[in-house]
Amino acid sequence: KPSLMAFAAAAEALDGAEFLHYLSVPKTRV
């Protein structure tokens, strides 16, 4: 299912990752 592709993409991107912080761009909703 498409959810498997999304799960695989997130797993690959986060493999070995360390969370640093949240961000928000001033004067936007980003």
Full PDB file with SEQRES, HELIX, SHEET, SSBOND, CRYST1, ORIGX, SCALE, CONECT and MASTER records, all heavy atoms in Angstrom:
SEQRES   1 A   30  LYS PRO SER LEU MET ALA PHE ALA ALA ALA ALA GLU ALA          
SEQRES   2 A   30  LEU ASP GLY ALA GLU PHE LEU HIS TYR LEU SER VAL PRO          
SEQRES   3 A   30  LYS THR ARG VAL                                              
HELIX    1 AA1 PRO A    2  LEU A   14  1                                  13    
CRYST1    1.000    1.000    1.000  90.00  90.00  90.00 P 1           1          
ORIGX1      1.000000  0.000000  0.000000        0.00000                         
ORIGX2      0.000000  1.000000  0.000000        0.00000                         
ORIGX3      0.000000  0.000000  1.000000        0.00000                         
SCALE1      1.000000  0.000000  0.000000        0.00000                         
SCALE2      0.000000  1.000000  0.000000        0.00000                         
SCALE3      0.000000  0.000000  1.000000        0.00000                         
ATOM      1  N   LYS A   1       0.866  -1.173   0.000  1.00  0.00           N  
ATOM      2  CA  LYS A   1       0.000   0.000   0.000  1.00  0.00           C  
ATOM      3  C   LYS A   1       0.908   1.231   0.000  1.00  0.00           C  
ATOM      4  O   LYS A   1       2.087   1.146   0.359  1.00  0.00           O  
ATOM      5  CB  LYS A   1      -0.859   0.036   1.265  1.00  0.00           C  
ATOM      6  CG  LYS A   1      -1.981  -0.974   1.283  1.00  0.00           C  
ATOM      7  CD  LYS A   1      -2.843  -0.763   2.517  1.00  0.00           C  
ATOM      8  CE  LYS A   1      -4.005  -1.723   2.535  1.00  0.00           C  
ATOM      9  NZ  LYS A   1      -4.852  -1.528   3.717  1.00  0.00           N  
ATOM     10  N   PRO A   2       0.397   2.401  -0.377  1.00  0.00           N  
ATOM     11  CA  PRO A   2       1.204   3.616  -0.316  1.00  0.00           C  
ATOM     12  C   PRO A   2       1.772   3.868   1.085  1.00  0.00           C  
ATOM     13  O   PRO A   2       2.852   4.417   1.228  1.00  0.00           O  
ATOM     14  CB  PRO A   2       0.230   4.719  -0.727  1.00  0.00           C  
ATOM     15  CG  PRO A   2      -0.765   4.013  -1.574  1.00  0.00           C  
ATOM     16  CD  PRO A   2      -0.908   2.644  -0.974  1.00  0.00           C  
ATOM     17  N   SER A   3       1.054   3.430   2.111  1.00  0.00           N  
ATOM     18  CA  SER A   3       1.544   3.633   3.468  1.00  0.00           C  
ATOM     19  C   SER A   3       2.859   2.896   3.700  1.00  0.00           C  
ATOM     20  O   SER A   3       3.699   3.352   4.471  1.00  0.00           O  
ATOM     21  CB  SER A   3       0.496   3.198   4.494  1.00  0.00           C  
ATOM     22  OG  SER A   3       0.087   1.867   4.255  1.00  0.00           O  
ATOM     23  N   LEU A   4       3.088   1.779   3.011  1.00  0.00           N  
ATOM     24  CA  LEU A   4       4.353   1.062   3.144  1.00  0.00           C  
ATOM     25  C   LEU A   4       5.485   1.883   2.545  1.00  0.00           C  
ATOM     26  O   LEU A   4       6.572   1.965   3.111  1.00  0.00           O  
ATOM     27  CB  LEU A   4       4.288  -0.315   2.477  1.00  0.00           C  
ATOM     28  CG  LEU A   4       5.583  -1.134   2.542  1.00  0.00           C  
ATOM     29  CD1 LEU A   4       5.983  -1.410   3.979  1.00  0.00           C  
ATOM     30  CD2 LEU A   4       5.447  -2.431   1.769  1.00  0.00           C  
ATOM     31  N   MET A   5       5.233   2.519   1.414  1.00  0.00           N  
ATOM     32  CA  MET A   5       6.261   3.361   0.797  1.00  0.00           C  
ATOM     33  C   MET A   5       6.594   4.541   1.709  1.00  0.00           C  
ATOM     34  O   MET A   5       7.754   4.912   1.869  1.00  0.00           O  
ATOM     35  CB  MET A   5       5.796   3.830  -0.582  1.00  0.00           C  
ATOM     36  CG  MET A   5       5.653   2.669  -1.533  1.00  0.00           C  
ATOM     37  SD  MET A   5       4.930   2.964  -3.168  1.00  0.00           S  
ATOM     38  CE  MET A   5       4.706   4.655  -3.353  1.00  0.00           C  
ATOM     39  N   ALA A   6       5.574   5.138   2.317  1.00  0.00           N  
ATOM     40  CA  ALA A   6       5.809   6.258   3.240  1.00  0.00           C  
ATOM     41  C   ALA A   6       6.572   5.790   4.475  1.00  0.00           C  
ATOM     42  O   ALA A   6       7.494   6.468   4.941  1.00  0.00           O  
ATOM     43  CB  ALA A   6       4.474   6.878   3.643  1.00  0.00           C  
ATOM     44  N   PHE A   7       6.215   4.641   5.017  1.00  0.00           N  
ATOM     45  CA  PHE A   7       6.909   4.079   6.167  1.00  0.00           C  
ATOM     46  C   PHE A   7       8.373   3.816   5.822  1.00  0.00           C  
ATOM     47  O   PHE A   7       9.280   4.148   6.588  1.00  0.00           O  
ATOM     48  CB  PHE A   7       6.223   2.783   6.611  1.00  0.00           C  
ATOM     49  CG  PHE A   7       6.870   2.137   7.790  1.00  0.00           C  
ATOM     50  CD1 PHE A   7       6.602   2.573   9.081  1.00  0.00           C  
ATOM     51  CD2 PHE A   7       7.755   1.077   7.618  1.00  0.00           C  
ATOM     52  CE1 PHE A   7       7.206   1.975  10.176  1.00  0.00           C  
ATOM     53  CE2 PHE A   7       8.357   0.472   8.700  1.00  0.00           C  
ATOM     54  CZ  PHE A   7       8.083   0.920   9.984  1.00  0.00           C  
ATOM     55  N   ALA A   8       8.635   3.231   4.652  1.00  0.00           N  
ATOM     56  CA  ALA A   8      10.003   2.936   4.227  1.00  0.00           C  
ATOM     57  C   ALA A   8      10.804   4.226   4.032  1.00  0.00           C  
ATOM     58  O   ALA A   8      11.978   4.302   4.420  1.00  0.00           O  
ATOM     59  CB  ALA A   8       9.992   2.111   2.945  1.00  0.00           C  
ATOM     60  N   ALA A   9      10.197   5.248   3.445  1.00  0.00           N  
ATOM     61  CA  ALA A   9      10.887   6.529   3.233  1.00  0.00           C  
ATOM     62  C   ALA A   9      11.259   7.167   4.570  1.00  0.00           C  
ATOM     63  O   ALA A   9      12.385   7.649   4.756  1.00  0.00           O  
ATOM     64  CB  ALA A   9      10.011   7.483   2.412  1.00  0.00           C  
ATOM     65  N   ALA A  10      10.328   7.147   5.522  1.00  0.00           N  
ATOM     66  CA  ALA A  10      10.609   7.718   6.845  1.00  0.00           C  
ATOM     67  C   ALA A  10      11.668   6.905   7.572  1.00  0.00           C  
ATOM     68  O   ALA A  10      12.584   7.468   8.196  1.00  0.00           O  
ATOM     69  CB  ALA A  10       9.326   7.781   7.670  1.00  0.00           C  
ATOM     70  N   ALA A  11      11.582   5.575   7.488  1.00  0.00           N  
ATOM     71  CA  ALA A  11      12.563   4.719   8.162  1.00  0.00           C  
ATOM     72  C   ALA A  11      13.963   4.946   7.597  1.00  0.00           C  
ATOM     73  O   ALA A  11      14.936   5.032   8.348  1.00  0.00           O  
ATOM     74  CB  ALA A  11      12.162   3.249   8.020  1.00  0.00           C  
ATOM     75  N   GLU A  12      14.071   5.063   6.278  1.00  0.00           N  
ATOM     76  CA  GLU A  12      15.376   5.303   5.658  1.00  0.00           C  
ATOM     77  C   GLU A  12      15.930   6.662   6.077  1.00  0.00           C  
ATOM     78  O   GLU A  12      17.104   6.783   6.415  1.00  0.00           O  
ATOM     79  CB  GLU A  12      15.268   5.227   4.144  1.00  0.00           C  
ATOM     80  CG  GLU A  12      16.598   5.427   3.443  1.00  0.00           C  
ATOM     81  CD  GLU A  12      16.502   5.309   1.940  1.00  0.00           C  
ATOM     82  OE1 GLU A  12      15.471   4.855   1.422  1.00  0.00           O  
ATOM     83  OE2 GLU A  12      17.482   5.696   1.278  1.00  0.00           O  
ATOM     84  N   ALA A  13      15.095   7.684   6.056  1.00  0.00           N  
ATOM     85  CA  ALA A  13      15.555   9.031   6.413  1.00  0.00           C  
ATOM     86  C   ALA A  13      15.977   9.111   7.877  1.00  0.00           C  
ATOM     87  O   ALA A  13      16.929   9.815   8.221  1.00  0.00           O  
ATOM     88  CB  ALA A  13      14.458  10.052   6.126  1.00  0.00           C  
ATOM     89  N   LEU A  14      15.280   8.396   8.753  1.00  0.00           N  
ATOM     90  CA  LEU A  14      15.555   8.481  10.196  1.00  0.00           C  
ATOM     91  C   LEU A  14      16.573   7.455  10.686  1.00  0.00           C  
ATOM     92  O   LEU A  14      16.953   7.482  11.857  1.00  0.00           O  
ATOM     93  CB  LEU A  14      14.250   8.337  10.982  1.00  0.00           C  
ATOM     94  CG  LEU A  14      13.276   9.494  10.802  1.00  0.00           C  
ATOM     95  CD1 LEU A  14      11.932   9.164  11.426  1.00  0.00           C  
ATOM     96  CD2 LEU A  14      13.853  10.785  11.363  1.00  0.00           C  
ATOM     97  N   ASP A  15      17.052   6.576   9.804  1.00  0.00           N  
ATOM     98  CA  ASP A  15      18.046   5.579  10.205  1.00  0.00           C  
ATOM     99  C   ASP A  15      19.339   6.289  10.626  1.00  0.00           C  
ATOM    100  O   ASP A  15      19.959   6.984   9.831  1.00  0.00           O  
ATOM    101  CB  ASP A  15      18.331   4.621   9.048  1.00  0.00           C  
ATOM    102  CG  ASP A  15      19.265   3.496   9.438  1.00  0.00           C  
ATOM    103  OD1 ASP A  15      19.330   3.149  10.639  1.00  0.00           O  
ATOM    104  OD2 ASP A  15      19.947   2.952   8.545  1.00  0.00           O  
ATOM    105  N   GLY A  16      19.704   6.157  11.877  1.00  0.00           N  
ATOM    106  CA  GLY A  16      20.909   6.796  12.401  1.00  0.00           C  
ATOM    107  C   GLY A  16      20.742   8.267  12.722  1.00  0.00           C  
ATOM    108  O   GLY A  16      21.712   8.953  13.047  1.00  0.00           O  
ATOM    109  N   ALA A  17      19.509   8.781  12.642  1.00  0.00           N  
ATOM    110  CA  ALA A  17      19.263  10.206  12.882  1.00  0.00           C  
ATOM    111  C   ALA A  17      19.177  10.502  14.373  1.00  0.00           C  
ATOM    112  O   ALA A  17      18.771   9.663  15.169  1.00  0.00           O  
ATOM    113  CB  ALA A  17      17.968  10.640  12.198  1.00  0.00           C  
ATOM    114  N   GLU A  18      19.548  11.723  14.703  1.00  0.00           N  
ATOM    115  CA  GLU A  18      19.404  12.225  16.075  1.00  0.00           C  
ATOM    116  C   GLU A  18      18.578  13.500  16.020  1.00  0.00           C  
ATOM    117  O   GLU A  18      18.922  14.447  15.301  1.00  0.00           O  
ATOM    118  CB  GLU A  18      20.763  12.518  16.687  1.00  0.00           C  
ATOM    119  CG  GLU A  18      20.682  13.092  18.086  1.00  0.00           C  
ATOM    120  CD  GLU A  18      22.047  13.495  18.636  1.00  0.00           C  
ATOM    121  OE1 GLU A  18      23.075  13.117  18.074  1.00  0.00           O  
ATOM    122  OE2 GLU A  18      22.058  14.227  19.641  1.00  0.00           O  
ATOM    123  N   PHE A  19      17.460  13.524  16.762  1.00  0.00           N  
ATOM    124  CA  PHE A  19      16.607  14.710  16.799  1.00  0.00           C  
ATOM    125  C   PHE A  19      17.376  15.857  17.448  1.00  0.00           C  
ATOM    126  O   PHE A  19      17.967  15.695  18.514  1.00  0.00           O  
ATOM    127  CB  PHE A  19      15.329  14.418  17.586  1.00  0.00           C  
ATOM    128  CG  PHE A  19      14.455  15.622  17.776  1.00  0.00           C  
ATOM    129  CD1 PHE A  19      13.670  16.080  16.736  1.00  0.00           C  
ATOM    130  CD2 PHE A  19      14.435  16.297  18.981  1.00  0.00           C  
ATOM    131  CE1 PHE A  19      12.859  17.205  16.901  1.00  0.00           C  
ATOM    132  CE2 PHE A  19      13.633  17.412  19.156  1.00  0.00           C  
ATOM    133  CZ  PHE A  19      12.840  17.864  18.107  1.00  0.00           C  
ATOM    134  N   LEU A  20      17.372  17.024  16.806  1.00  0.00           N  
ATOM    135  CA  LEU A  20      18.049  18.197  17.358  1.00  0.00           C  
ATOM    136  C   LEU A  20      17.062  19.181  17.974  1.00  0.00           C  
ATOM    137  O   LEU A  20      17.225  19.575  19.112  1.00  0.00           O  
ATOM    138  CB  LEU A  20      18.887  18.898  16.275  1.00  0.00           C  
ATOM    139  CG  LEU A  20      20.018  18.061  15.673  1.00  0.00           C  
ATOM    140  CD1 LEU A  20      20.726  18.844  14.573  1.00  0.00           C  
ATOM    141  CD2 LEU A  20      20.995  17.620  16.749  1.00  0.00           C  
ATOM    142  N   HIS A  21      16.043  19.581  17.208  1.00  0.00           N  
ATOM    143  CA  HIS A  21      15.056  20.523  17.734  1.00  0.00           C  
ATOM    144  C   HIS A  21      13.906  20.723  16.757  1.00  0.00           C  
ATOM    145  O   HIS A  21      13.998  20.355  15.592  1.00  0.00           O  
ATOM    146  CB  HIS A  21      15.700  21.878  18.060  1.00  0.00           C  
ATOM    147  CG  HIS A  21      16.457  22.475  16.912  1.00  0.00           C  
ATOM    148  ND1 HIS A  21      15.861  23.131  15.878  1.00  0.00           N  
ATOM    149  CD2 HIS A  21      17.786  22.495  16.637  1.00  0.00           C  
ATOM    150  CE1 HIS A  21      16.771  23.547  15.020  1.00  0.00           C  
ATOM    151  NE2 HIS A  21      17.949  23.166  15.450  1.00  0.00           N  
ATOM    152  N   TYR A  22      12.838  21.298  17.281  1.00  0.00           N  
ATOM    153  CA  TYR A  22      11.719  21.731  16.447  1.00  0.00           C  
ATOM    154  C   TYR A  22      12.081  23.066  15.834  1.00  0.00           C  
ATOM    155  O   TYR A  22      12.961  23.781  16.336  1.00  0.00           O  
ATOM    156  CB  TYR A  22      10.441  21.886  17.282  1.00  0.00           C  
ATOM    157  CG  TYR A  22       9.891  20.583  17.783  1.00  0.00           C  
ATOM    158  CD1 TYR A  22      10.091  20.168  19.094  1.00  0.00           C  
ATOM    159  CD2 TYR A  22       9.159  19.752  16.935  1.00  0.00           C  
ATOM    160  CE1 TYR A  22       9.590  18.971  19.555  1.00  0.00           C  
ATOM    161  CE2 TYR A  22       8.647  18.549  17.384  1.00  0.00           C  
ATOM    162  CZ  TYR A  22       8.870  18.169  18.693  1.00  0.00           C  
ATOM    163  OH  TYR A  22       8.374  16.978  19.141  1.00  0.00           O  
ATOM    164  N   LEU A  23      11.391  23.426  14.765  1.00  0.00           N  
ATOM    165  CA  LEU A  23      11.619  24.751  14.197  1.00  0.00           C  
ATOM    166  C   LEU A  23      10.298  25.370  13.765  1.00  0.00           C  
ATOM    167  O   LEU A  23       9.313  24.680  13.526  1.00  0.00           O  
ATOM    168  CB  LEU A  23      12.609  24.715  13.034  1.00  0.00           C  
ATOM    169  CG  LEU A  23      12.240  24.086  11.706  1.00  0.00           C  
ATOM    170  CD1 LEU A  23      11.375  24.992  10.863  1.00  0.00           C  
ATOM    171  CD2 LEU A  23      13.494  23.767  10.953  1.00  0.00           C  
ATOM    172  N   SER A  24      10.298  26.669  13.710  1.00  0.00           N  
ATOM    173  CA  SER A  24       9.195  27.419  13.132  1.00  0.00           C  
ATOM    174  C   SER A  24       9.806  28.638  12.466  1.00  0.00           C  
ATOM    175  O   SER A  24      10.715  29.256  13.008  1.00  0.00           O  
ATOM    176  CB  SER A  24       8.162  27.814  14.186  1.00  0.00           C  
ATOM    177  OG  SER A  24       8.746  28.615  15.169  1.00  0.00           O  
ATOM    178  N   VAL A  25       9.339  28.950  11.275  1.00  0.00           N  
ATOM    179  CA  VAL A  25       9.861  30.084  10.532  1.00  0.00           C  
ATOM    180  C   VAL A  25       9.069  31.317  10.951  1.00  0.00           C  
ATOM    181  O   VAL A  25       7.838  31.329  10.813  1.00  0.00           O  
ATOM    182  CB  VAL A  25       9.774  29.848   9.012  1.00  0.00           C  
ATOM    183  CG1 VAL A  25      10.260  31.063   8.247  1.00  0.00           C  
ATOM    184  CG2 VAL A  25      10.565  28.602   8.623  1.00  0.00           C  
ATOM    185  N   PRO A  26       9.749  32.347  11.477  1.00  0.00           N  
ATOM    186  CA  PRO A  26       9.045  33.547  11.936  1.00  0.00           C  
ATOM    187  C   PRO A  26       8.149  34.161  10.851  1.00  0.00           C  
ATOM    188  O   PRO A  26       8.479  34.150   9.680  1.00  0.00           O  
ATOM    189  CB  PRO A  26      10.182  34.509  12.299  1.00  0.00           C  
ATOM    190  CG  PRO A  26      11.352  33.625  12.587  1.00  0.00           C  
ATOM    191  CD  PRO A  26      11.200  32.448  11.671  1.00  0.00           C  
ATOM    192  N   LYS A  27       7.000  34.640  11.278  1.00  0.00           N  
ATOM    193  CA  LYS A  27       6.020  35.326  10.426  1.00  0.00           C  
ATOM    194  C   LYS A  27       5.415  34.419   9.351  1.00  0.00           C  
ATOM    195  O   LYS A  27       4.932  34.889   8.329  1.00  0.00           O  
ATOM    196  CB  LYS A  27       6.621  36.572   9.797  1.00  0.00           C  
ATOM    197  CG  LYS A  27       7.092  37.580  10.819  1.00  0.00           C  
ATOM    198  CD  LYS A  27       7.705  38.780  10.176  1.00  0.00           C  
ATOM    199  CE  LYS A  27       8.225  39.710  11.257  1.00  0.00           C  
ATOM    200  NZ  LYS A  27       8.987  40.809  10.726  1.00  0.00           N  
ATOM    201  N   THR A  28       5.471  33.101   9.567  1.00  0.00           N  
ATOM    202  CA  THR A  28       4.851  32.146   8.643  1.00  0.00           C  
ATOM    203  C   THR A  28       4.185  31.061   9.478  1.00  0.00           C  
ATOM    204  O   THR A  28       4.284  31.053  10.693  1.00  0.00           O  
ATOM    205  CB  THR A  28       5.876  31.469   7.714  1.00  0.00           C  
ATOM    206  OG1 THR A  28       6.655  30.540   8.472  1.00  0.00           O  
ATOM    207  CG2 THR A  28       6.775  32.470   7.029  1.00  0.00           C  
ATOM    208  N   ARG A  29       3.538  30.134   8.797  1.00  0.00           N  
ATOM    209  CA  ARG A  29       2.954  28.952   9.465  1.00  0.00           C  
ATOM    210  C   ARG A  29       3.813  27.710   9.191  1.00  0.00           C  
ATOM    211  O   ARG A  29       3.360  26.592   9.333  1.00  0.00           O  
ATOM    212  CB  ARG A  29       1.527  28.729   8.970  1.00  0.00           C  
ATOM    213  CG  ARG A  29       0.578  29.892   9.223  1.00  0.00           C  
ATOM    214  CD  ARG A  29       0.029  29.917  10.598  1.00  0.00           C  
ATOM    215  NE  ARG A  29      -0.660  28.651  10.831  1.00  0.00           N  
ATOM    216  CZ  ARG A  29      -1.120  28.261  11.986  1.00  0.00           C  
ATOM    217  NH1 ARG A  29      -0.999  29.031  13.026  1.00  0.00           N  
ATOM    218  NH2 ARG A  29      -1.710  27.104  12.121  1.00  0.00           N  
ATOM    219  N   VAL A  30       5.077  27.929   8.766  1.00  0.00           N  
ATOM    220  CA  VAL A  30       5.992  26.819   8.496  1.00  0.00           C  
ATOM    221  C   VAL A  30       6.506  26.256   9.818  1.00  0.00           C  
ATOM    222  O   VAL A  30       6.963  26.992  10.688  1.00  0.00           O  
ATOM    223  CB  VAL A  30       7.177  27.254   7.612  1.00  0.00           C  
ATOM    224  CG1 VAL A  30       8.193  26.125   7.479  1.00  0.00           C  
ATOM    225  CG2 VAL A  30       6.675  27.690   6.248  1.00  0.00           C  
TER     226      VAL A  30                                                      
MASTER        0    0    0    1    0    0    0    6  225    1    0    3          
END                                                                             
